[in-house]
Amino acid sequence: MIAGPNPHENLSEYVNTAKVAQILAVARNTLRKWAEQGDIPVHRNPANGYRLFKREDLMRFLKKIDQSSTFGS
């Protein structure tokens, strides 16, 4: 698990669990499991401890998934 966002970063660079699960069309628990396993980097909101996903990490994860499905067919 990765520490919370750098205080100098803009929180708009992060997406919450619900939104990422919606984007990926997976259950929130699936996303939490992937984050726990280290498949996708996760950060914590320092104010409330909620999981946050950096947009650039999400894009990297989507590319990784796309490449693996392309090679698998």
PDB file of N, CA and C in Angstrom:
ATOM      1  N   MET A   1       0.845  -1.172   0.000  1.00  0.00           N
ATOM      2  CA  MET A   1       0.000   0.000   0.000  1.00  0.00           C
ATOM      3  C   MET A   1       0.890   1.235   0.000  1.00  0.00           C
ATOM      4  N   ILE A   2       0.518   2.203  -0.768  1.00  0.00           N
ATOM      5  CA  ILE A   2       1.280   3.427  -0.911  1.00  0.00           C
ATOM      6  C   ILE A   2       0.691   4.484   0.014  1.00  0.00           C
ATOM      7  N   ALA A   3       1.553   5.334   0.548  1.00  0.00           N
ATOM      8  CA  ALA A   3       1.109   6.388   1.464  1.00  0.00           C
ATOM      9  C   ALA A   3       0.182   7.368   0.759  1.00  0.00           C
ATOM     10  N   GLY A   4      -0.359   8.275   1.520  1.00  0.00           N
ATOM     11  CA  GLY A   4      -1.295   9.259   0.997  1.00  0.00           C
ATOM     12  C   GLY A   4      -0.675  10.201  -0.001  1.00  0.00           C
ATOM     13  N   PRO A   5      -1.527  10.961  -0.664  1.00  0.00           N
ATOM     14  CA  PRO A   5      -1.049  11.916  -1.652  1.00  0.00           C
ATOM     15  C   PRO A   5      -0.082  12.922  -1.057  1.00  0.00           C
ATOM     16  N   ASN A   6       0.863  13.318  -1.853  1.00  0.00           N
ATOM     17  CA  ASN A   6       1.787  14.374  -1.484  1.00  0.00           C
ATOM     18  C   ASN A   6       0.951  15.636  -1.267  1.00  0.00           C
ATOM     19  N   PRO A   7       1.164  16.341  -0.159  1.00  0.00           N
ATOM     20  CA  PRO A   7       0.345  17.530   0.113  1.00  0.00           C
ATOM     21  C   PRO A   7       0.440  18.594  -0.979  1.00  0.00           C
ATOM     22  N   HIS A   8       1.474  18.532  -1.798  1.00  0.00           N
ATOM     23  CA  HIS A   8       1.653  19.515  -2.856  1.00  0.00           C
ATOM     24  C   HIS A   8       0.953  19.099  -4.150  1.00  0.00           C
ATOM     25  N   GLU A   9       0.441  17.871  -4.198  1.00  0.00           N
ATOM     26  CA  GLU A   9      -0.276  17.413  -5.383  1.00  0.00           C
ATOM     27  C   GLU A   9      -1.734  17.820  -5.297  1.00  0.00           C
ATOM     28  N   ASN A  10      -2.332  17.977  -6.434  1.00  0.00           N
ATOM     29  CA  ASN A  10      -3.738  18.332  -6.525  1.00  0.00           C
ATOM     30  C   ASN A  10      -4.581  17.071  -6.376  1.00  0.00           C
ATOM     31  N   LEU A  11      -5.554  17.087  -5.484  1.00  0.00           N
ATOM     32  CA  LEU A  11      -6.386  15.902  -5.272  1.00  0.00           C
ATOM     33  C   LEU A  11      -7.218  15.552  -6.501  1.00  0.00           C
ATOM     34  N   SER A  12      -7.347  16.475  -7.459  1.00  0.00           N
ATOM     35  CA  SER A  12      -8.088  16.155  -8.677  1.00  0.00           C
ATOM     36  C   SER A  12      -7.339  15.133  -9.530  1.00  0.00           C
ATOM     37  N   GLU A  13      -6.082  14.872  -9.199  1.00  0.00           N
ATOM     38  CA  GLU A  13      -5.300  13.852  -9.902  1.00  0.00           C
ATOM     39  C   GLU A  13      -5.675  12.454  -9.418  1.00  0.00           C
ATOM     40  N   TYR A  14      -6.552  12.374  -8.435  1.00  0.00           N
ATOM     41  CA  TYR A  14      -6.932  11.100  -7.834  1.00  0.00           C
ATOM     42  C   TYR A  14      -8.412  10.802  -8.060  1.00  0.00           C
ATOM     43  N   VAL A  15      -8.726   9.502  -8.084  1.00  0.00           N
ATOM     44  CA  VAL A  15     -10.100   9.049  -8.284  1.00  0.00           C
ATOM     45  C   VAL A  15     -10.431   8.101  -7.137  1.00  0.00           C
ATOM     46  N   ASN A  16     -11.662   8.174  -6.626  1.00  0.00           N
ATOM     47  CA  ASN A  16     -12.032   7.307  -5.506  1.00  0.00           C
ATOM     48  C   ASN A  16     -12.388   5.893  -5.987  1.00  0.00           C
ATOM     49  N   THR A  17     -12.502   4.997  -5.054  1.00  0.00           N
ATOM     50  CA  THR A  17     -12.761   3.584  -5.352  1.00  0.00           C
ATOM     51  C   THR A  17     -14.029   3.389  -6.172  1.00  0.00           C
ATOM     52  N   ALA A  18     -15.097   4.056  -5.812  1.00  0.00           N
ATOM     53  CA  ALA A  18     -16.369   3.886  -6.516  1.00  0.00           C
ATOM     54  C   ALA A  18     -16.244   4.254  -7.988  1.00  0.00           C
ATOM     55  N   LYS A  19     -15.585   5.363  -8.271  1.00  0.00           N
ATOM     56  CA  LYS A  19     -15.447   5.829  -9.655  1.00  0.00           C
ATOM     57  C   LYS A  19     -14.552   4.883 -10.456  1.00  0.00           C
ATOM     58  N   VAL A  20     -13.447   4.442  -9.870  1.00  0.00           N
ATOM     59  CA  VAL A  20     -12.545   3.531 -10.579  1.00  0.00           C
ATOM     60  C   VAL A  20     -13.251   2.208 -10.850  1.00  0.00           C
ATOM     61  N   ALA A  21     -13.991   1.704  -9.888  1.00  0.00           N
ATOM     62  CA  ALA A  21     -14.743   0.458 -10.083  1.00  0.00           C
ATOM     63  C   ALA A  21     -15.742   0.626 -11.226  1.00  0.00           C
ATOM     64  N   GLN A  22     -16.368   1.766 -11.290  1.00  0.00           N
ATOM     65  CA  GLN A  22     -17.317   2.051 -12.379  1.00  0.00           C
ATOM     66  C   GLN A  22     -16.584   2.103 -13.721  1.00  0.00           C
ATOM     67  N   ILE A  23     -15.456   2.778 -13.782  1.00  0.00           N
ATOM     68  CA  ILE A  23     -14.678   2.885 -15.013  1.00  0.00           C
ATOM     69  C   ILE A  23     -14.239   1.510 -15.506  1.00  0.00           C
ATOM     70  N   LEU A  24     -13.780   0.675 -14.577  1.00  0.00           N
ATOM     71  CA  LEU A  24     -13.277  -0.652 -14.938  1.00  0.00           C
ATOM     72  C   LEU A  24     -14.387  -1.702 -15.043  1.00  0.00           C
ATOM     73  N   ALA A  25     -15.600  -1.324 -14.657  1.00  0.00           N
ATOM     74  CA  ALA A  25     -16.757  -2.232 -14.674  1.00  0.00           C
ATOM     75  C   ALA A  25     -16.501  -3.474 -13.822  1.00  0.00           C
ATOM     76  N   VAL A  26     -15.986  -3.223 -12.606  1.00  0.00           N
ATOM     77  CA  VAL A  26     -15.755  -4.296 -11.642  1.00  0.00           C
ATOM     78  C   VAL A  26     -16.353  -3.877 -10.306  1.00  0.00           C
ATOM     79  N   ALA A  27     -16.534  -4.845  -9.432  1.00  0.00           N
ATOM     80  CA  ALA A  27     -17.023  -4.549  -8.088  1.00  0.00           C
ATOM     81  C   ALA A  27     -15.946  -3.822  -7.283  1.00  0.00           C
ATOM     82  N   ARG A  28     -16.364  -3.022  -6.354  1.00  0.00           N
ATOM     83  CA  ARG A  28     -15.412  -2.308  -5.491  1.00  0.00           C
ATOM     84  C   ARG A  28     -14.493  -3.288  -4.761  1.00  0.00           C
ATOM     85  N   ASN A  29     -15.061  -4.406  -4.324  1.00  0.00           N
ATOM     86  CA  ASN A  29     -14.233  -5.403  -3.625  1.00  0.00           C
ATOM     87  C   ASN A  29     -13.158  -5.981  -4.530  1.00  0.00           C
ATOM     88  N   THR A  30     -13.453  -6.142  -5.810  1.00  0.00           N
ATOM     89  CA  THR A  30     -12.444  -6.619  -6.765  1.00  0.00           C
ATOM     90  C   THR A  30     -11.319  -5.611  -6.859  1.00  0.00           C
ATOM     91  N   LEU A  31     -11.669  -4.350  -6.961  1.00  0.00           N
ATOM     92  CA  LEU A  31     -10.667  -3.286  -7.038  1.00  0.00           C
ATOM     93  C   LEU A  31      -9.827  -3.247  -5.765  1.00  0.00           C
ATOM     94  N   ARG A  32     -10.468  -3.386  -4.626  1.00  0.00           N
ATOM     95  CA  ARG A  32      -9.731  -3.398  -3.352  1.00  0.00           C
ATOM     96  C   ARG A  32      -8.754  -4.571  -3.313  1.00  0.00           C
ATOM     97  N   LYS A  33      -9.199  -5.725  -3.809  1.00  0.00           N
ATOM     98  CA  LYS A  33      -8.339  -6.908  -3.839  1.00  0.00           C
ATOM     99  C   LYS A  33      -7.141  -6.680  -4.750  1.00  0.00           C
ATOM    100  N   TRP A  34      -7.375  -6.120  -5.928  1.00  0.00           N
ATOM    101  CA  TRP A  34      -6.276  -5.837  -6.854  1.00  0.00           C
ATOM    102  C   TRP A  34      -5.272  -4.884  -6.217  1.00  0.00           C
ATOM    103  N   ALA A  35      -5.781  -3.877  -5.518  1.00  0.00           N
ATOM    104  CA  ALA A  35      -4.899  -2.906  -4.856  1.00  0.00           C
ATOM    105  C   ALA A  35      -4.102  -3.583  -3.745  1.00  0.00           C
ATOM    106  N   GLU A  36      -4.771  -4.432  -2.971  1.00  0.00           N
ATOM    107  CA  GLU A  36      -4.099  -5.145  -1.877  1.00  0.00           C
ATOM    108  C   GLU A  36      -3.004  -6.075  -2.413  1.00  0.00           C
ATOM    109  N   GLN A  37      -3.250  -6.669  -3.570  1.00  0.00           N
ATOM    110  CA  GLN A  37      -2.278  -7.578  -4.187  1.00  0.00           C
ATOM    111  C   GLN A  37      -1.165  -6.830  -4.909  1.00  0.00           C
ATOM    112  N   GLY A  38      -1.318  -5.510  -5.048  1.00  0.00           N
ATOM    113  CA  GLY A  38      -0.305  -4.711  -5.725  1.00  0.00           C
ATOM    114  C   GLY A  38      -0.476  -4.643  -7.234  1.00  0.00           C
ATOM    115  N   ASP A  39      -1.622  -5.089  -7.736  1.00  0.00           N
ATOM    116  CA  ASP A  39      -1.872  -5.039  -9.175  1.00  0.00           C
ATOM    117  C   ASP A  39      -2.074  -3.614  -9.677  1.00  0.00           C
ATOM    118  N   ILE A  40      -2.633  -2.782  -8.827  1.00  0.00           N
ATOM    119  CA  ILE A  40      -2.831  -1.367  -9.154  1.00  0.00           C
ATOM    120  C   ILE A  40      -2.439  -0.555  -7.918  1.00  0.00           C
ATOM    121  N   PRO A  41      -1.608   0.467  -8.094  1.00  0.00           N
ATOM    122  CA  PRO A  41      -1.191   1.273  -6.936  1.00  0.00           C
ATOM    123  C   PRO A  41      -2.371   1.996  -6.285  1.00  0.00           C
ATOM    124  N   VAL A  42      -2.343   2.028  -4.972  1.00  0.00           N
ATOM    125  CA  VAL A  42      -3.397   2.708  -4.222  1.00  0.00           C
ATOM    126  C   VAL A  42      -2.757   3.684  -3.245  1.00  0.00           C
ATOM    127  N   HIS A  43      -3.425   4.784  -3.029  1.00  0.00           N
ATOM    128  CA  HIS A  43      -2.991   5.809  -2.080  1.00  0.00           C
ATOM    129  C   HIS A  43      -4.101   5.969  -1.057  1.00  0.00           C
ATOM    130  N   ARG A  44      -3.814   6.630   0.020  1.00  0.00           N
ATOM    131  CA  ARG A  44      -4.819   6.896   1.059  1.00  0.00           C
ATOM    132  C   ARG A  44      -4.989   8.399   1.229  1.00  0.00           C
ATOM    133  N   ASN A  45      -6.222   8.813   1.341  1.00  0.00           N
ATOM    134  CA  ASN A  45      -6.509  10.198   1.633  1.00  0.00           C
ATOM    135  C   ASN A  45      -6.059  10.457   3.067  1.00  0.00           C
ATOM    136  N   PRO A  46      -5.158  11.402   3.289  1.00  0.00           N
ATOM    137  CA  PRO A  46      -4.649  11.629   4.645  1.00  0.00           C
ATOM    138  C   PRO A  46      -5.719  12.125   5.614  1.00  0.00           C
ATOM    139  N   ALA A  47      -6.782  12.714   5.118  1.00  0.00           N
ATOM    140  CA  ALA A  47      -7.825  13.247   5.995  1.00  0.00           C
ATOM    141  C   ALA A  47      -8.761  12.166   6.518  1.00  0.00           C
ATOM    142  N   ASN A  48      -9.071  11.155   5.671  1.00  0.00           N
ATOM    143  CA  ASN A  48     -10.071  10.176   6.095  1.00  0.00           C
ATOM    144  C   ASN A  48      -9.653   8.717   5.863  1.00  0.00           C
ATOM    145  N   GLY A  49      -8.506   8.498   5.245  1.00  0.00           N
ATOM    146  CA  GLY A  49      -8.016   7.142   5.044  1.00  0.00           C
ATOM    147  C   GLY A  49      -8.633   6.404   3.867  1.00  0.00           C
ATOM    148  N   TYR A  50      -9.533   7.056   3.126  1.00  0.00           N
ATOM    149  CA  TYR A  50     -10.159   6.403   1.976  1.00  0.00           C
ATOM    150  C   TYR A  50      -9.124   6.107   0.899  1.00  0.00           C
ATOM    151  N   ARG A  51      -9.379   5.037   0.148  1.00  0.00           N
ATOM    152  CA  ARG A  51      -8.490   4.683  -0.957  1.00  0.00           C
ATOM    153  C   ARG A  51      -8.661   5.685  -2.091  1.00  0.00           C
ATOM    154  N   LEU A  52      -7.545   6.045  -2.700  1.00  0.00           N
ATOM    155  CA  LEU A  52      -7.539   6.918  -3.867  1.00  0.00           C
ATOM    156  C   LEU A  52      -6.615   6.306  -4.911  1.00  0.00           C
ATOM    157  N   PHE A  53      -6.982   6.474  -6.152  1.00  0.00           N
ATOM    158  CA  PHE A  53      -6.184   5.944  -7.247  1.00  0.00           C
ATOM    159  C   PHE A  53      -5.766   7.105  -8.132  1.00  0.00           C
ATOM    160  N   LYS A  54      -4.477   7.203  -8.388  1.00  0.00           N
ATOM    161  CA  LYS A  54      -3.966   8.281  -9.207  1.00  0.00           C
ATOM    162  C   LYS A  54      -4.352   8.022 -10.660  1.00  0.00           C
ATOM    163  N   ARG A  55      -4.792   9.049 -11.341  1.00  0.00           N
ATOM    164  CA  ARG A  55      -5.256   8.904 -12.721  1.00  0.00           C
ATOM    165  C   ARG A  55      -4.183   8.287 -13.618  1.00  0.00           C
ATOM    166  N   GLU A  56      -2.942   8.708 -13.463  1.00  0.00           N
ATOM    167  CA  GLU A  56      -1.882   8.155 -14.317  1.00  0.00           C
ATOM    168  C   GLU A  56      -1.631   6.678 -14.016  1.00  0.00           C
ATOM    169  N   ASP A  57      -1.782   6.261 -12.756  1.00  0.00           N
ATOM    170  CA  ASP A  57      -1.661   4.839 -12.408  1.00  0.00           C
ATOM    171  C   ASP A  57      -2.795   4.037 -13.040  1.00  0.00           C
ATOM    172  N   LEU A  58      -3.986   4.626 -13.049  1.00  0.00           N
ATOM    173  CA  LEU A  58      -5.136   3.968 -13.650  1.00  0.00           C
ATOM    174  C   LEU A  58      -4.921   3.780 -15.150  1.00  0.00           C
ATOM    175  N   MET A  59      -4.408   4.799 -15.820  1.00  0.00           N
ATOM    176  CA  MET A  59      -4.140   4.693 -17.260  1.00  0.00           C
ATOM    177  C   MET A  59      -3.094   3.605 -17.539  1.00  0.00           C
ATOM    178  N   ARG A  60      -2.083   3.561 -16.713  1.00  0.00           N
ATOM    179  CA  ARG A  60      -1.039   2.537 -16.856  1.00  0.00           C
ATOM    180  C   ARG A  60      -1.640   1.140 -16.663  1.00  0.00           C
ATOM    181  N   PHE A  61      -2.504   0.997 -15.680  1.00  0.00           N
ATOM    182  CA  PHE A  61      -3.161  -0.274 -15.409  1.00  0.00           C
ATOM    183  C   PHE A  61      -4.037  -0.697 -16.590  1.00  0.00           C
ATOM    184  N   LEU A  62      -4.788   0.255 -17.151  1.00  0.00           N
ATOM    185  CA  LEU A  62      -5.639  -0.046 -18.298  1.00  0.00           C
ATOM    186  C   LEU A  62      -4.819  -0.491 -19.508  1.00  0.00           C
ATOM    187  N   LYS A  63      -3.683   0.148 -19.734  1.00  0.00           N
ATOM    188  CA  LYS A  63      -2.807  -0.253 -20.841  1.00  0.00           C
ATOM    189  C   LYS A  63      -2.268  -1.655 -20.619  1.00  0.00           C
ATOM    190  N   LYS A  64      -1.907  -1.954 -19.376  1.00  0.00           N
ATOM    191  CA  LYS A  64      -1.385  -3.281 -19.035  1.00  0.00           C
ATOM    192  C   LYS A  64      -2.447  -4.353 -19.305  1.00  0.00           C
ATOM    193  N   ILE A  65      -3.682  -4.072 -18.895  1.00  0.00           N
ATOM    194  CA  ILE A  65      -4.781  -5.018 -19.121  1.00  0.00           C
ATOM    195  C   ILE A  65      -5.013  -5.196 -20.623  1.00  0.00           C
ATOM    196  N   ASP A  66      -5.007  -4.089 -21.350  1.00  0.00           N
ATOM    197  CA  ASP A  66      -5.243  -4.142 -22.789  1.00  0.00           C
ATOM    198  C   ASP A  66      -4.172  -4.949 -23.506  1.00  0.00           C
ATOM    199  N   GLN A  67      -2.919  -4.777 -23.107  1.00  0.00           N
ATOM    200  CA  GLN A  67      -1.822  -5.533 -23.716  1.00  0.00           C
ATOM    201  C   GLN A  67      -1.944  -7.012 -23.418  1.00  0.00           C
ATOM    202  N   SER A  68      -2.295  -7.352 -22.184  1.00  0.00           N
ATOM    203  CA  SER A  68      -2.387  -8.770 -21.832  1.00  0.00           C
ATOM    204  C   SER A  68      -3.553  -9.436 -22.548  1.00  0.00           C
ATOM    205  N   SER A  69      -4.659  -8.714 -22.764  1.00  0.00           N
ATOM    206  CA  SER A  69      -5.789  -9.316 -23.471  1.00  0.00           C
ATOM    207  C   SER A  69      -5.510  -9.407 -24.964  1.00  0.00           C
ATOM    208  N   THR A  70      -4.719  -8.481 -25.509  1.00  0.00           N
ATOM    209  CA  THR A  70      -4.360  -8.522 -26.918  1.00  0.00           C
ATOM    210  C   THR A  70      -3.488  -9.727 -27.218  1.00  0.00           C
ATOM    211  N   PHE A  71      -2.531  -9.986 -26.343  1.00  0.00           N
ATOM    212  CA  PHE A  71      -1.622 -11.114 -26.555  1.00  0.00           C
ATOM    213  C   PHE A  71      -2.305 -12.443 -26.272  1.00  0.00           C
ATOM    214  N   GLY A  72      -3.349 -12.430 -25.456  1.00  0.00           N
ATOM    215  CA  GLY A  72      -4.032 -13.659 -25.097  1.00  0.00           C
ATOM    216  C   GLY A  72      -4.974 -14.166 -26.178  1.00  0.00           C
ATOM    217  N   SER A  73      -5.303 -13.323 -27.168  1.00  0.00           N
ATOM    218  CA  SER A  73      -6.256 -13.773 -28.180  1.00  0.00           C
ATOM    219  C   SER A  73      -5.612 -14.369 -29.394  1.00  0.00           C
TER     220      SER A  73
END
